[in-house]
Amino acid sequence: MDKVLQTERLLLRRLTEGDWADLCEILRDAETMYAYEHAFSEQEARAWLQNQFARYARDGIGLWAVTSRETGAFLGQAGLTWQDAGGKRELEIGYLFKRRHWHNGYAAEAACGCRDYAFGTLGHPRVVSIIRTNNYASQRVAQRMGMRRERQFVKHYYGMDMPHYLYAVQKAR
């Protein structure tokens, strides 16, 4: 199963090929992917999954499947990835959930689990979240993790300039 971590209600594990349909429910849904300005094509979704497999092999981390500990249902994905944050390499907590599972606190719970894993298991002193300036729900999740907004920068994606905030939290000493 490749379990990575668990929280009170959630189990986070490495994605597998068997998660394809669930992953597509997230990545191919325009409303869910509004921060990316488009639903992913099948090819983009396939590249996304392959990129996670490459991250697991290269970095030992990536975005993981988030499942219900009670039912085993696939709820979304969350995890840790290395990202370029306006010219600086940062360890980011990212999360994307099926729209039907929004507003249940799963994103914050999974993100806090990832934060604790980064600090406790990996011994990393800082984590960030890179969030579109108009993505208020993700900004609230970052704040629930104890993150504070540090700065704004522009990411160039899909032929567009997209303003983002960098939220960060340091490991308590």
C-alpha atoms as a PDB file:
ATOM      1  CA  MET A   1       0.000   0.000   0.000  1.00  0.00           C
ATOM      2  CA  ASP A   2       3.003   2.361   0.439  1.00  0.00           C
ATOM      3  CA  LYS A   3       1.490   4.208   3.402  1.00  0.00           C
ATOM      4  CA  VAL A   4       3.299   7.452   4.117  1.00  0.00           C
ATOM      5  CA  LEU A   5       1.361   8.922   7.032  1.00  0.00           C
ATOM      6  CA  GLN A   6      -2.008   9.010   8.692  1.00  0.00           C
ATOM      7  CA  THR A   7      -4.079  11.550  10.561  1.00  0.00           C
ATOM      8  CA  GLU A   8      -7.198  11.158  12.650  1.00  0.00           C
ATOM      9  CA  ARG A   9      -9.448  10.547   9.622  1.00  0.00           C
ATOM     10  CA  LEU A  10      -7.044  10.172   6.699  1.00  0.00           C
ATOM     11  CA  LEU A  11      -4.419   7.860   5.305  1.00  0.00           C
ATOM     12  CA  LEU A  12      -1.862   9.242   2.846  1.00  0.00           C
ATOM     13  CA  ARG A  13      -0.107   6.767   0.552  1.00  0.00           C
ATOM     14  CA  ARG A  14       1.770   6.797  -2.703  1.00  0.00           C
ATOM     15  CA  LEU A  15      -0.364   7.071  -5.810  1.00  0.00           C
ATOM     16  CA  THR A  16      -0.595   3.994  -8.027  1.00  0.00           C
ATOM     17  CA  GLU A  17      -1.832   3.310 -11.558  1.00  0.00           C
ATOM     18  CA  GLY A  18      -5.015   2.061  -9.873  1.00  0.00           C
ATOM     19  CA  ASP A  19      -5.762   5.647  -8.796  1.00  0.00           C
ATOM     20  CA  TRP A  20      -6.052   6.839 -12.405  1.00  0.00           C
ATOM     21  CA  ALA A  21      -9.862   7.265 -12.523  1.00  0.00           C
ATOM     22  CA  ASP A  22      -9.937   9.034  -9.145  1.00  0.00           C
ATOM     23  CA  LEU A  23      -7.076  11.315 -10.144  1.00  0.00           C
ATOM     24  CA  CYS A  24      -8.849  12.208 -13.382  1.00  0.00           C
ATOM     25  CA  GLU A  25     -11.961  13.158 -11.427  1.00  0.00           C
ATOM     26  CA  ILE A  26      -9.833  15.907  -9.888  1.00  0.00           C
ATOM     27  CA  LEU A  27      -7.514  16.924 -12.719  1.00  0.00           C
ATOM     28  CA  ARG A  28     -10.062  16.812 -15.543  1.00  0.00           C
ATOM     29  CA  ASP A  29     -12.682  18.871 -13.666  1.00  0.00           C
ATOM     30  CA  ALA A  30     -12.541  22.552 -14.652  1.00  0.00           C
ATOM     31  CA  GLU A  31     -14.119  23.800 -11.427  1.00  0.00           C
ATOM     32  CA  THR A  32     -11.691  21.853  -9.263  1.00  0.00           C
ATOM     33  CA  MET A  33      -8.750  23.012 -11.368  1.00  0.00           C
ATOM     34  CA  TYR A  34      -9.744  26.693 -11.469  1.00  0.00           C
ATOM     35  CA  ALA A  35      -6.398  27.775  -9.977  1.00  0.00           C
ATOM     36  CA  TYR A  36      -4.727  26.212 -13.046  1.00  0.00           C
ATOM     37  CA  GLU A  37      -7.159  28.014 -15.393  1.00  0.00           C
ATOM     38  CA  HIS A  38      -8.134  24.790 -17.167  1.00  0.00           C
ATOM     39  CA  ALA A  39      -9.131  21.188 -16.753  1.00  0.00           C
ATOM     40  CA  PHE A  40      -6.309  18.874 -17.710  1.00  0.00           C
ATOM     41  CA  SER A  41      -6.398  16.821 -20.882  1.00  0.00           C
ATOM     42  CA  GLU A  42      -5.894  13.076 -20.580  1.00  0.00           C
ATOM     43  CA  GLN A  43      -2.266  13.566 -21.647  1.00  0.00           C
ATOM     44  CA  GLU A  44      -1.688  16.266 -19.003  1.00  0.00           C
ATOM     45  CA  ALA A  45      -3.272  14.061 -16.331  1.00  0.00           C
ATOM     46  CA  ARG A  46      -1.061  11.139 -17.377  1.00  0.00           C
ATOM     47  CA  ALA A  47       2.023  13.381 -17.198  1.00  0.00           C
ATOM     48  CA  TRP A  48       0.920  14.550 -13.718  1.00  0.00           C
ATOM     49  CA  LEU A  49       0.743  10.947 -12.458  1.00  0.00           C
ATOM     50  CA  GLN A  50       4.064  10.013 -14.080  1.00  0.00           C
ATOM     51  CA  ASN A  51       5.641  13.105 -12.502  1.00  0.00           C
ATOM     52  CA  GLN A  52       4.569  11.882  -9.056  1.00  0.00           C
ATOM     53  CA  PHE A  53       6.170   8.491  -9.710  1.00  0.00           C
ATOM     54  CA  ALA A  54       9.381  10.278 -10.774  1.00  0.00           C
ATOM     55  CA  ARG A  55       9.287  12.421  -7.600  1.00  0.00           C
ATOM     56  CA  TYR A  56       8.909   9.330  -5.408  1.00  0.00           C
ATOM     57  CA  ALA A  57      11.970   7.771  -7.048  1.00  0.00           C
ATOM     58  CA  ARG A  58      14.080  10.944  -7.121  1.00  0.00           C
ATOM     59  CA  ASP A  59      13.043  12.775  -3.936  1.00  0.00           C
ATOM     60  CA  GLY A  60      11.285  10.165  -1.789  1.00  0.00           C
ATOM     61  CA  ILE A  61       8.291  12.528  -1.630  1.00  0.00           C
ATOM     62  CA  GLY A  62       5.550  13.814  -3.936  1.00  0.00           C
ATOM     63  CA  LEU A  63       1.807  14.219  -3.965  1.00  0.00           C
ATOM     64  CA  TRP A  64       0.131  11.263  -2.267  1.00  0.00           C
ATOM     65  CA  ALA A  65      -3.333   9.759  -2.467  1.00  0.00           C
ATOM     66  CA  VAL A  66      -5.519  10.893   0.447  1.00  0.00           C
ATOM     67  CA  THR A  67      -8.001   8.224   1.469  1.00  0.00           C
ATOM     68  CA  SER A  68     -10.559   7.864   4.219  1.00  0.00           C
ATOM     69  CA  ARG A  69      -9.324   5.670   7.069  1.00  0.00           C
ATOM     70  CA  GLU A  70     -12.928   4.644   7.707  1.00  0.00           C
ATOM     71  CA  THR A  71     -14.057   3.726   4.186  1.00  0.00           C
ATOM     72  CA  GLY A  72     -10.865   3.625   2.103  1.00  0.00           C
ATOM     73  CA  ALA A  73     -12.435   6.061  -0.386  1.00  0.00           C
ATOM     74  CA  PHE A  74     -10.056   8.196  -2.458  1.00  0.00           C
ATOM     75  CA  LEU A  75     -10.716  11.817  -1.427  1.00  0.00           C
ATOM     76  CA  GLY A  76      -7.907  13.713  -3.096  1.00  0.00           C
ATOM     77  CA  GLN A  77      -4.182  14.204  -3.101  1.00  0.00           C
ATOM     78  CA  ALA A  78      -1.786  16.082  -0.859  1.00  0.00           C
ATOM     79  CA  GLY A  79       1.913  15.982  -0.257  1.00  0.00           C
ATOM     80  CA  LEU A  80       5.321  17.559  -0.386  1.00  0.00           C
ATOM     81  CA  THR A  81       7.122  18.637  -3.552  1.00  0.00           C
ATOM     82  CA  TRP A  82      10.112  20.770  -4.381  1.00  0.00           C
ATOM     83  CA  GLN A  83       8.976  23.914  -6.205  1.00  0.00           C
ATOM     84  CA  ASP A  84      10.438  27.089  -7.647  1.00  0.00           C
ATOM     85  CA  ALA A  85       8.948  29.909  -5.572  1.00  0.00           C
ATOM     86  CA  GLY A  86       9.935  32.983  -7.508  1.00  0.00           C
ATOM     87  CA  GLY A  87      13.552  31.970  -7.985  1.00  0.00           C
ATOM     88  CA  LYS A  88      14.028  30.085  -4.711  1.00  0.00           C
ATOM     89  CA  ARG A  89      13.703  26.316  -4.284  1.00  0.00           C
ATOM     90  CA  GLU A  90      11.191  25.563  -1.515  1.00  0.00           C
ATOM     91  CA  LEU A  91       9.536  22.471  -0.034  1.00  0.00           C
ATOM     92  CA  GLU A  92       5.848  22.957  -0.757  1.00  0.00           C
ATOM     93  CA  ILE A  93       2.736  21.426   0.741  1.00  0.00           C
ATOM     94  CA  GLY A  94       0.191  21.029  -2.042  1.00  0.00           C
ATOM     95  CA  TYR A  95      -3.347  19.664  -2.029  1.00  0.00           C
ATOM     96  CA  LEU A  96      -6.168  19.008  -4.488  1.00  0.00           C
ATOM     97  CA  PHE A  97      -9.408  17.264  -3.542  1.00  0.00           C
ATOM     98  CA  LYS A  98     -12.423  15.940  -5.385  1.00  0.00           C
ATOM     99  CA  ARG A  99     -15.020  18.677  -5.421  1.00  0.00           C
ATOM    100  CA  ARG A 100     -17.590  16.442  -3.710  1.00  0.00           C
ATOM    101  CA  HIS A 101     -15.249  16.208  -0.699  1.00  0.00           C
ATOM    102  CA  TRP A 102     -14.707  19.956  -0.289  1.00  0.00           C
ATOM    103  CA  HIS A 103     -15.784  21.683   2.952  1.00  0.00           C
ATOM    104  CA  ASN A 104     -15.104  18.685   5.197  1.00  0.00           C
ATOM    105  CA  GLY A 105     -11.752  19.857   6.577  1.00  0.00           C
ATOM    106  CA  TYR A 106      -9.837  17.177   4.656  1.00  0.00           C
ATOM    107  CA  ALA A 107      -7.436  19.591   2.954  1.00  0.00           C
ATOM    108  CA  ALA A 108      -6.418  21.235   6.239  1.00  0.00           C
ATOM    109  CA  GLU A 109      -6.092  17.879   8.009  1.00  0.00           C
ATOM    110  CA  ALA A 110      -3.973  16.385   5.218  1.00  0.00           C
ATOM    111  CA  ALA A 111      -1.871  19.554   4.911  1.00  0.00           C
ATOM    112  CA  CYS A 112      -1.197  19.633   8.671  1.00  0.00           C
ATOM    113  CA  GLY A 113      -0.177  15.975   8.465  1.00  0.00           C
ATOM    114  CA  CYS A 114       2.241  16.836   5.641  1.00  0.00           C
ATOM    115  CA  ARG A 115       3.643  19.770   7.650  1.00  0.00           C
ATOM    116  CA  ASP A 116       4.224  17.516  10.658  1.00  0.00           C
ATOM    117  CA  TYR A 117       5.807  14.850   8.440  1.00  0.00           C
ATOM    118  CA  ALA A 118       8.163  17.441   6.894  1.00  0.00           C
ATOM    119  CA  PHE A 119       9.199  18.734  10.312  1.00  0.00           C
ATOM    120  CA  GLY A 120       9.244  15.462  12.267  1.00  0.00           C
ATOM    121  CA  THR A 121      10.138  12.686   9.836  1.00  0.00           C
ATOM    122  CA  LEU A 122      12.168  14.649   7.286  1.00  0.00           C
ATOM    123  CA  GLY A 123      13.627  17.157   9.750  1.00  0.00           C
ATOM    124  CA  HIS A 124      12.969  20.031   7.363  1.00  0.00           C
ATOM    125  CA  PRO A 125      12.883  23.430   9.127  1.00  0.00           C
ATOM    126  CA  ARG A 126      10.425  25.196   6.783  1.00  0.00           C
ATOM    127  CA  VAL A 127       7.555  24.442   4.438  1.00  0.00           C
ATOM    128  CA  VAL A 128       5.566  26.685   2.126  1.00  0.00           C
ATOM    129  CA  SER A 129       2.407  26.729   0.062  1.00  0.00           C
ATOM    130  CA  ILE A 130       2.303  28.590  -3.245  1.00  0.00           C
ATOM    131  CA  ILE A 131      -1.251  29.824  -3.752  1.00  0.00           C
ATOM    132  CA  ARG A 132      -2.996  31.893  -6.420  1.00  0.00           C
ATOM    133  CA  THR A 133      -3.965  35.300  -5.083  1.00  0.00           C
ATOM    134  CA  ASN A 134      -7.635  34.544  -5.856  1.00  0.00           C
ATOM    135  CA  ASN A 135      -7.687  31.073  -4.249  1.00  0.00           C
ATOM    136  CA  TYR A 136      -9.194  32.051  -0.905  1.00  0.00           C
ATOM    137  CA  ALA A 137     -10.028  28.487   0.180  1.00  0.00           C
ATOM    138  CA  SER A 138      -6.390  27.389  -0.144  1.00  0.00           C
ATOM    139  CA  GLN A 139      -5.251  30.529   1.649  1.00  0.00           C
ATOM    140  CA  ARG A 140      -7.495  29.555   4.583  1.00  0.00           C
ATOM    141  CA  VAL A 141      -5.971  26.056   4.584  1.00  0.00           C
ATOM    142  CA  ALA A 142      -2.478  27.577   4.702  1.00  0.00           C
ATOM    143  CA  GLN A 143      -3.511  29.771   7.628  1.00  0.00           C
ATOM    144  CA  ARG A 144      -4.924  26.730   9.458  1.00  0.00           C
ATOM    145  CA  MET A 145      -1.457  25.136   9.101  1.00  0.00           C
ATOM    146  CA  GLY A 146       0.004  28.141  10.902  1.00  0.00           C
ATOM    147  CA  MET A 147       1.417  29.638   7.727  1.00  0.00           C
ATOM    148  CA  ARG A 148       1.763  33.359   7.153  1.00  0.00           C
ATOM    149  CA  ARG A 149       1.898  35.180   3.844  1.00  0.00           C
ATOM    150  CA  GLU A 150       5.478  36.248   3.075  1.00  0.00           C
ATOM    151  CA  ARG A 151       5.351  37.723  -0.399  1.00  0.00           C
ATOM    152  CA  GLN A 152       3.719  37.812  -3.805  1.00  0.00           C
ATOM    153  CA  PHE A 153       5.321  36.759  -7.084  1.00  0.00           C
ATOM    154  CA  VAL A 154       4.241  35.867 -10.607  1.00  0.00           C
ATOM    155  CA  LYS A 155       4.362  32.350 -12.026  1.00  0.00           C
ATOM    156  CA  HIS A 156       4.235  31.849 -15.770  1.00  0.00           C
ATOM    157  CA  TYR A 157       1.998  28.902 -16.574  1.00  0.00           C
ATOM    158  CA  TYR A 158       0.016  27.828 -19.606  1.00  0.00           C
ATOM    159  CA  GLY A 159       0.982  31.028 -21.437  1.00  0.00           C
ATOM    160  CA  MET A 160      -0.310  33.268 -18.651  1.00  0.00           C
ATOM    161  CA  ASP A 161       1.146  35.380 -15.867  1.00  0.00           C
ATOM    162  CA  MET A 162      -0.464  34.191 -12.643  1.00  0.00           C
ATOM    163  CA  PRO A 163       0.055  36.128  -9.397  1.00  0.00           C
ATOM    164  CA  HIS A 164       0.730  33.882  -6.384  1.00  0.00           C
ATOM    165  CA  TYR A 165       1.302  34.317  -2.699  1.00  0.00           C
ATOM    166  CA  LEU A 166       3.989  32.443  -0.835  1.00  0.00           C
ATOM    167  CA  TYR A 167       2.775  31.238   2.549  1.00  0.00           C
ATOM    168  CA  ALA A 168       5.321  29.726   4.950  1.00  0.00           C
ATOM    169  CA  VAL A 169       5.745  28.245   8.404  1.00  0.00           C
ATOM    170  CA  GLN A 170       8.929  27.430  10.315  1.00  0.00           C
ATOM    171  CA  LYS A 171       9.379  24.424  12.547  1.00  0.00           C
ATOM    172  CA  ALA A 172       8.976  25.438  16.202  1.00  0.00           C
ATOM    173  CA  ARG A 173      12.264  25.363  18.065  1.00  0.00           C
END
